[in-house]
């Protein structure tokens, strides 16, 4: 039995329902540099535990299948071999790409920018919706300073003219939006008085992405 079978949990299924991805058919691809937060985010959805996991040290791919929805998680790197892997094996049949950027590590933004543009320039992704998650925004609050704005990130990454969160039915441009996110509890109160235990931002991001499936 696959070790990824543990992902079939009630919490994870409830999350898919809440963001409109339950019973959807297609493949979502999670991309980003090592330590961007992909494995940590998905482990949180799986277990409900806020556990920072060690970053992967080489390009890896894992698939999680729930009904007709496939979540494909891949750690990307800057080397040519990894880029060939995207084109030859990973991008086929993908309906949406979730690209994670570590907001708290601007020293690697140029590297991440390079990888993002490699993806955007591939023919296979010309019309693929891109959800960009700006991760770890809670760390700025802990330090008493503001996190980068969506506009600042878009400018640094050279995608200001590509942001297209609300494409019309006749639009030929790919949908793309940035959502600041964190797995740390939001602190919002539920109707019954309990504190909401989900994180910030990624739920709204997945809701946005689900409309294109």
Protein backbone atom coordinates (compact mmCIF):
# COMPACT_ATOMS: atom_id res chain seq x y z
CA UNK A 1 0.00 0.00 0.00
CA UNK A 2 1.36 3.43 -0.94
CA UNK A 3 2.63 5.61 1.88
CA UNK A 4 0.58 8.42 0.35
CA UNK A 5 -2.64 6.54 1.18
CA UNK A 6 -2.68 8.41 4.50
CA UNK A 7 -3.71 11.54 2.61
CA UNK A 8 -7.21 10.15 2.28
CA UNK A 9 -8.36 11.68 5.56
CA UNK A 10 -11.56 13.37 6.58
CA UNK A 11 -9.87 16.72 7.08
CA UNK A 12 -8.30 16.66 3.64
CA UNK A 13 -11.58 15.68 1.96
CA UNK A 14 -13.46 18.37 3.90
CA UNK A 15 -10.90 20.91 2.70
CA UNK A 16 -11.40 19.85 -0.94
CA UNK A 17 -15.16 20.25 -0.52
CA UNK A 18 -14.79 23.68 1.10
CA UNK A 19 -12.66 25.06 -1.75
CA UNK A 20 -14.70 23.49 -4.55
CA UNK A 21 -12.19 20.84 -5.64
CA UNK A 22 -14.05 17.75 -4.42
CA UNK A 23 -15.35 15.61 -7.31
CA UNK A 24 -13.35 17.67 -9.80
CA UNK A 25 -11.56 15.85 -12.59
CA UNK A 26 -8.00 16.75 -13.54
CA UNK A 27 -4.48 17.25 -12.28
CA UNK A 28 -3.14 20.01 -10.05
CA UNK A 29 0.62 20.50 -10.06
CA UNK A 30 2.39 21.95 -7.01
CA UNK A 31 5.71 23.58 -7.92
CA UNK A 32 8.28 25.73 -6.18
CA UNK A 33 11.84 25.76 -4.99
CA UNK A 34 12.87 23.53 -2.11
CA UNK A 35 11.77 25.00 1.24
CA UNK A 36 8.95 27.01 -0.36
CA UNK A 37 6.42 25.14 1.78
CA UNK A 38 4.83 22.55 -0.54
CA UNK A 39 5.35 19.49 1.64
CA UNK A 40 4.59 21.41 4.84
CA UNK A 41 1.29 22.72 3.44
CA UNK A 42 0.12 19.35 2.19
CA UNK A 43 1.20 17.59 5.37
CA UNK A 44 -0.89 20.13 7.30
CA UNK A 45 -3.93 19.31 5.18
CA UNK A 46 -3.27 15.63 5.72
CA UNK A 47 -2.68 15.59 9.48
CA UNK A 48 -3.81 18.97 10.82
CA UNK A 49 -0.38 19.39 12.42
CA UNK A 50 1.68 22.52 11.87
CA UNK A 51 5.01 20.80 11.39
CA UNK A 52 7.87 22.38 9.46
CA UNK A 53 9.44 19.56 7.44
CA UNK A 54 12.97 19.39 6.14
CA UNK A 55 13.28 20.59 2.53
CA UNK A 56 13.93 17.99 -0.13
CA UNK A 57 17.46 17.95 -1.47
CA UNK A 58 16.75 16.74 -5.01
CA UNK A 59 13.97 16.85 -7.59
CA UNK A 60 11.13 14.61 -6.43
CA UNK A 61 7.60 13.88 -7.63
CA UNK A 62 4.69 12.34 -5.72
CA UNK A 63 1.09 11.86 -6.88
CA UNK A 64 -1.98 11.77 -4.66
CA UNK A 65 -5.22 10.62 -6.31
CA UNK A 66 -8.62 11.34 -4.79
CA UNK A 67 -11.51 10.17 -6.93
CA UNK A 68 -10.82 11.87 -10.29
CA UNK A 69 -8.53 14.57 -8.90
CA UNK A 70 -4.77 14.09 -8.95
CA UNK A 71 -2.51 16.28 -6.82
CA UNK A 72 1.02 16.09 -8.17
CA UNK A 73 3.73 17.54 -5.94
CA UNK A 74 7.12 18.29 -7.47
CA UNK A 75 10.15 20.10 -6.09
CA UNK A 76 11.84 22.06 -8.85
CA UNK A 77 15.43 23.12 -9.22
CA UNK A 78 17.37 25.40 -11.51
CA UNK A 79 19.16 22.74 -13.46
CA UNK A 80 18.40 21.76 -17.04
CA UNK A 81 17.56 18.16 -16.16
CA UNK A 82 14.70 19.26 -13.91
CA UNK A 83 13.30 21.55 -16.63
CA UNK A 84 13.32 18.70 -19.13
CA UNK A 85 11.42 16.63 -16.59
CA UNK A 86 8.69 19.26 -16.38
CA UNK A 87 8.25 19.32 -20.13
CA UNK A 88 8.54 15.62 -20.84
CA UNK A 89 6.77 14.03 -17.89
CA UNK A 90 5.11 16.43 -15.49
CA UNK A 91 3.10 19.00 -17.45
CA UNK A 92 1.12 16.60 -19.62
CA UNK A 93 -2.60 16.83 -18.84
CA UNK A 94 -2.23 19.41 -16.05
CA UNK A 95 -5.30 21.63 -15.50
CA UNK A 96 -3.79 23.96 -12.91
CA UNK A 97 -0.41 24.92 -11.47
CA UNK A 98 0.15 26.01 -7.86
CA UNK A 99 3.48 27.82 -7.64
CA UNK A 100 4.77 28.50 -4.13
CA UNK A 101 7.12 31.39 -3.31
CA UNK A 102 8.80 31.71 0.09
CA UNK A 103 7.92 35.30 1.03
CA UNK A 104 10.47 35.28 3.84
CA UNK A 105 13.46 34.37 1.68
CA UNK A 106 13.94 37.22 -0.84
CA UNK A 107 17.52 36.05 -1.32
CA UNK A 108 16.13 33.23 -3.49
CA UNK A 109 13.50 35.25 -5.31
CA UNK A 110 15.69 35.65 -8.38
CA UNK A 111 16.13 31.87 -8.57
CA UNK A 112 12.41 31.35 -8.11
CA UNK A 113 11.65 34.05 -10.68
CA UNK A 114 13.86 32.24 -13.20
CA UNK A 115 12.07 28.93 -12.62
CA UNK A 116 8.63 30.56 -12.83
CA UNK A 117 9.42 32.15 -16.17
CA UNK A 118 10.78 28.85 -17.46
CA UNK A 119 7.34 27.42 -16.74
CA UNK A 120 5.40 30.35 -18.17
CA UNK A 121 7.36 30.20 -21.42
CA UNK A 122 6.57 26.54 -22.10
CA UNK A 123 3.99 25.92 -24.81
CA UNK A 124 2.23 23.37 -22.60
CA UNK A 125 1.41 26.04 -19.98
CA UNK A 126 0.25 28.78 -22.34
CA UNK A 127 -3.36 28.58 -21.14
CA UNK A 128 -2.86 26.81 -17.79
CA UNK A 129 -4.21 28.69 -14.74
CA UNK A 130 -1.47 29.69 -12.28
CA UNK A 131 -2.19 30.07 -8.58
CA UNK A 132 0.81 31.73 -6.93
CA UNK A 133 0.94 31.21 -3.16
CA UNK A 134 3.17 33.63 -1.28
CA UNK A 135 3.97 31.45 1.74
CA UNK A 136 5.10 32.04 5.34
CA UNK A 137 3.57 35.51 5.70
CA UNK A 138 3.05 34.84 9.42
CA UNK A 139 6.79 35.23 9.97
CA UNK A 140 6.58 38.95 9.19
CA UNK A 141 3.94 39.47 11.87
CA UNK A 142 6.16 37.65 14.38
CA UNK A 143 8.93 40.10 13.50
CA UNK A 144 6.63 43.12 13.73
CA UNK A 145 6.89 44.14 10.08
CA UNK A 146 4.68 43.98 7.02
CA UNK A 147 4.92 41.26 4.40
CA UNK A 148 5.56 42.10 0.73
CA UNK A 149 2.48 43.21 -1.19
CA UNK A 150 1.13 41.30 -4.17
CA UNK A 151 2.11 44.24 -6.36
CA UNK A 152 5.70 44.22 -5.09
CA UNK A 153 6.04 40.47 -5.66
CA UNK A 154 4.54 40.73 -9.13
CA UNK A 155 6.98 43.49 -10.03
CA UNK A 156 10.05 41.66 -8.70
CA UNK A 157 9.01 38.47 -10.47
CA UNK A 158 8.29 40.29 -13.71
CA UNK A 159 4.66 39.18 -13.94
CA UNK A 160 2.76 42.43 -13.33
CA UNK A 161 1.38 42.39 -16.87
CA UNK A 162 0.48 38.70 -16.60
CA UNK A 163 -1.71 38.89 -13.48
CA UNK A 164 -5.23 38.04 -14.65
CA UNK A 165 -7.47 36.96 -11.75
CA UNK A 166 -10.81 37.49 -13.53
CA UNK A 167 -10.48 36.49 -17.18
CA UNK A 168 -13.60 36.94 -19.25
CA UNK A 169 -15.12 34.07 -21.24
CA UNK A 170 -13.48 35.34 -24.42
CA UNK A 171 -10.09 36.02 -22.84
CA UNK A 172 -7.10 34.31 -24.46
CA UNK A 173 -4.80 35.09 -21.50
CA UNK A 174 -4.06 32.49 -18.87
CA UNK A 175 -5.68 33.04 -15.46
CA UNK A 176 -3.12 34.04 -12.83
CA UNK A 177 -3.46 35.36 -9.28
CA UNK A 178 -1.29 35.82 -6.18
CA UNK A 179 -2.53 34.87 -2.69
CA UNK A 180 -0.45 35.53 0.45
CA UNK A 181 -0.71 32.44 2.64
CA UNK A 182 0.26 30.76 5.90
CA UNK A 183 -0.59 27.48 7.63
CA UNK A 184 -0.69 29.32 10.98
CA UNK A 185 -4.21 29.65 12.41
CA UNK A 186 -5.97 32.83 11.36
CA UNK A 187 -7.39 33.60 14.82
CA UNK A 188 -10.85 34.17 13.36
CA UNK A 189 -13.81 33.01 15.42
CA UNK A 190 -16.30 30.46 14.10
CA UNK A 191 -20.05 30.90 14.75
CA UNK A 192 -19.85 28.49 17.71
CA UNK A 193 -17.10 30.57 19.34
CA UNK A 194 -14.20 28.25 18.54
CA UNK A 195 -11.10 29.61 16.84
CA UNK A 196 -10.82 28.74 13.17
CA UNK A 197 -7.99 26.22 12.87
CA UNK A 198 -7.22 26.57 9.17
CA UNK A 199 -4.46 28.78 7.89
CA UNK A 200 -4.65 31.96 5.88
CA UNK A 201 -4.89 32.52 2.16
CA UNK A 202 -4.45 29.12 0.58
CA UNK A 203 -8.14 28.25 0.95
CA UNK A 204 -9.12 31.40 -0.95
CA UNK A 205 -6.47 30.59 -3.54
CA UNK A 206 -7.80 27.09 -4.16
CA UNK A 207 -11.35 28.42 -4.37
CA UNK A 208 -10.17 30.82 -7.07
CA UNK A 209 -8.40 28.01 -8.94
CA UNK A 210 -11.33 25.59 -8.75
CA UNK A 211 -13.48 27.74 -11.04
CA UNK A 212 -11.23 26.84 -13.97
CA UNK A 213 -11.67 23.05 -13.62
